[in-house]
Amino acid sequence: MYLVHAHLRPSAQAGDLPPDVRALVYGCARPEDGVEHVSVHDDPPWAPVLGLFLVADSLARAEATATAVCTRLLESHPAFSGWTLLRAEAPLIVVDGQ
């Protein structure tokens, strides 16, 4: 399983993320996408991040799938009119002392 962070940017006219954004993401995911869980990080509101936990055979596939799911989200829901997907990538985790 992979964690992919999808970094979004709202348009100047856009409001905050819709309160049901998690449900909207699940609704845009297809069974073959392997989306197991979605988390929402909306602070700061001008740079929200969606965390998608995906079952995939490689990191590249997980990142590509997260991009596809988020593209479907932005293109299919009026609440995301003008929003942009900046990037979808696995976060780099640094452990102190290692």
C-alpha atoms as a PDB file:
ATOM      1  CA  MET A   1       0.000   0.000   0.000  1.00  0.00           C
ATOM      2  CA  TYR A   2       1.196   3.494  -0.848  1.00  0.00           C
ATOM      3  CA  LEU A   3       0.370   6.917   0.532  1.00  0.00           C
ATOM      4  CA  VAL A   4       0.193   9.599  -2.144  1.00  0.00           C
ATOM      5  CA  HIS A   5      -0.327  13.268  -1.330  1.00  0.00           C
ATOM      6  CA  ALA A   6      -2.342  15.211  -3.892  1.00  0.00           C
ATOM      7  CA  HIS A   7      -1.584  18.927  -3.583  1.00  0.00           C
ATOM      8  CA  LEU A   8      -4.432  21.136  -4.746  1.00  0.00           C
ATOM      9  CA  ARG A   9      -4.731  24.846  -5.412  1.00  0.00           C
ATOM     10  CA  PRO A  10      -8.112  26.573  -5.385  1.00  0.00           C
ATOM     11  CA  SER A  11      -8.951  29.274  -7.877  1.00  0.00           C
ATOM     12  CA  ALA A  12      -9.160  32.856  -6.651  1.00  0.00           C
ATOM     13  CA  GLN A  13     -12.970  32.579  -6.639  1.00  0.00           C
ATOM     14  CA  ALA A  14     -13.128  29.167  -5.000  1.00  0.00           C
ATOM     15  CA  GLY A  15     -14.150  28.670  -1.444  1.00  0.00           C
ATOM     16  CA  ASP A  16     -12.895  26.056   0.951  1.00  0.00           C
ATOM     17  CA  LEU A  17     -12.916  22.361   0.206  1.00  0.00           C
ATOM     18  CA  PRO A  18     -16.431  20.959   0.189  1.00  0.00           C
ATOM     19  CA  PRO A  19     -17.241  19.315   3.538  1.00  0.00           C
ATOM     20  CA  ASP A  20     -17.929  16.008   1.773  1.00  0.00           C
ATOM     21  CA  VAL A  21     -14.642  15.961  -0.160  1.00  0.00           C
ATOM     22  CA  ARG A  22     -13.717  12.487   1.109  1.00  0.00           C
ATOM     23  CA  ALA A  23     -16.983  11.045  -0.193  1.00  0.00           C
ATOM     24  CA  LEU A  24     -16.464  12.860  -3.495  1.00  0.00           C
ATOM     25  CA  VAL A  25     -12.997  11.313  -3.883  1.00  0.00           C
ATOM     26  CA  TYR A  26     -14.357   7.833  -3.135  1.00  0.00           C
ATOM     27  CA  GLY A  27     -17.083   8.488  -5.701  1.00  0.00           C
ATOM     28  CA  CYS A  28     -14.479   9.287  -8.365  1.00  0.00           C
ATOM     29  CA  ALA A  29     -12.401   6.195  -7.624  1.00  0.00           C
ATOM     30  CA  ARG A  30     -12.986   3.061  -9.642  1.00  0.00           C
ATOM     31  CA  PRO A  31     -12.648  -0.393  -8.075  1.00  0.00           C
ATOM     32  CA  GLU A  32      -9.451  -1.032 -10.033  1.00  0.00           C
ATOM     33  CA  ASP A  33      -7.882   2.166  -8.608  1.00  0.00           C
ATOM     34  CA  GLY A  34      -7.277   0.456  -5.270  1.00  0.00           C
ATOM     35  CA  VAL A  35      -8.201   3.467  -3.120  1.00  0.00           C
ATOM     36  CA  GLU A  36      -8.397   2.171   0.441  1.00  0.00           C
ATOM     37  CA  HIS A  37      -8.558   5.389   2.456  1.00  0.00           C
ATOM     38  CA  VAL A  38      -8.641   9.155   1.938  1.00  0.00           C
ATOM     39  CA  SER A  39      -7.511  11.788   4.419  1.00  0.00           C
ATOM     40  CA  VAL A  40      -7.964  15.534   4.098  1.00  0.00           C
ATOM     41  CA  HIS A  41      -5.471  18.170   5.211  1.00  0.00           C
ATOM     42  CA  ASP A  42      -7.135  21.541   4.705  1.00  0.00           C
ATOM     43  CA  ASP A  43      -4.891  23.786   6.762  1.00  0.00           C
ATOM     44  CA  PRO A  44      -3.945  26.144   5.263  1.00  0.00           C
ATOM     45  CA  PRO A  45      -7.113  26.406   3.167  1.00  0.00           C
ATOM     46  CA  TRP A  46      -5.231  27.845   0.175  1.00  0.00           C
ATOM     47  CA  ALA A  47      -3.016  24.742  -0.061  1.00  0.00           C
ATOM     48  CA  PRO A  48      -5.098  21.663   0.795  1.00  0.00           C
ATOM     49  CA  VAL A  49      -3.666  18.179   0.472  1.00  0.00           C
ATOM     50  CA  LEU A  50      -5.563  14.948  -0.030  1.00  0.00           C
ATOM     51  CA  GLY A  51      -3.878  11.812   1.260  1.00  0.00           C
ATOM     52  CA  LEU A  52      -4.794   8.764  -0.801  1.00  0.00           C
ATOM     53  CA  PHE A  53      -3.838   5.322   0.459  1.00  0.00           C
ATOM     54  CA  LEU A  54      -3.753   3.028  -2.552  1.00  0.00           C
ATOM     55  CA  VAL A  55      -3.026  -0.609  -3.229  1.00  0.00           C
ATOM     56  CA  ALA A  56      -0.768  -0.680  -6.287  1.00  0.00           C
ATOM     57  CA  ASP A  57       2.030  -2.761  -7.751  1.00  0.00           C
ATOM     58  CA  SER A  58       4.499   0.154  -7.734  1.00  0.00           C
ATOM     59  CA  LEU A  59       4.959   3.691  -6.479  1.00  0.00           C
ATOM     60  CA  ALA A  60       4.766   5.036 -10.015  1.00  0.00           C
ATOM     61  CA  ARG A  61       1.418   3.293 -10.519  1.00  0.00           C
ATOM     62  CA  ALA A  62       0.097   4.641  -7.198  1.00  0.00           C
ATOM     63  CA  GLU A  63       1.077   8.195  -8.117  1.00  0.00           C
ATOM     64  CA  ALA A  64      -0.449   7.875 -11.587  1.00  0.00           C
ATOM     65  CA  THR A  65      -3.660   6.472 -10.140  1.00  0.00           C
ATOM     66  CA  ALA A  66      -3.911   9.247  -7.549  1.00  0.00           C
ATOM     67  CA  THR A  67      -3.451  11.769 -10.355  1.00  0.00           C
ATOM     68  CA  ALA A  68      -6.239  10.126 -12.364  1.00  0.00           C
ATOM     69  CA  VAL A  69      -8.649  10.007  -9.410  1.00  0.00           C
ATOM     70  CA  CYS A  70      -8.002  13.644  -8.507  1.00  0.00           C
ATOM     71  CA  THR A  71      -8.337  14.735 -12.133  1.00  0.00           C
ATOM     72  CA  ARG A  72     -11.739  13.028 -12.254  1.00  0.00           C
ATOM     73  CA  LEU A  73     -12.658  14.820  -9.019  1.00  0.00           C
ATOM     74  CA  LEU A  74     -11.721  18.266 -10.294  1.00  0.00           C
ATOM     75  CA  GLU A  75     -13.376  17.735 -13.678  1.00  0.00           C
ATOM     76  CA  SER A  76     -16.646  16.237 -12.450  1.00  0.00           C
ATOM     77  CA  HIS A  77     -17.733  18.400  -9.528  1.00  0.00           C
ATOM     78  CA  PRO A  78     -18.780  22.053  -9.903  1.00  0.00           C
ATOM     79  CA  ALA A  79     -17.418  22.835  -6.429  1.00  0.00           C
ATOM     80  CA  PHE A  80     -13.923  22.349  -7.908  1.00  0.00           C
ATOM     81  CA  SER A  81     -14.364  24.668 -10.875  1.00  0.00           C
ATOM     82  CA  GLY A  82     -11.042  26.411 -11.413  1.00  0.00           C
ATOM     83  CA  TRP A  83      -9.098  24.209  -8.988  1.00  0.00           C
ATOM     84  CA  THR A  84      -5.726  22.792 -10.028  1.00  0.00           C
ATOM     85  CA  LEU A  85      -3.933  19.586  -9.124  1.00  0.00           C
ATOM     86  CA  LEU A  86      -0.353  20.748  -8.556  1.00  0.00           C
ATOM     87  CA  ARG A  87       1.175  17.320  -8.033  1.00  0.00           C
ATOM     88  CA  ALA A  88       0.454  13.849  -6.686  1.00  0.00           C
ATOM     89  CA  GLU A  89       3.439  12.174  -5.113  1.00  0.00           C
ATOM     90  CA  ALA A  90       4.499  10.050  -2.206  1.00  0.00           C
ATOM     91  CA  PRO A  91       5.679  12.209   0.684  1.00  0.00           C
ATOM     92  CA  LEU A  92       9.301  12.055   1.714  1.00  0.00           C
ATOM     93  CA  ILE A  93       9.509  10.983   5.342  1.00  0.00           C
ATOM     94  CA  VAL A  94      12.640  11.934   7.246  1.00  0.00           C
ATOM     95  CA  VAL A  95      13.377  10.299  10.571  1.00  0.00           C
ATOM     96  CA  ASP A  96      15.556  12.274  12.980  1.00  0.00           C
ATOM     97  CA  GLY A  97      18.879  10.677  13.724  1.00  0.00           C
ATOM     98  CA  GLN A  98      18.900   8.361  10.735  1.00  0.00           C
END
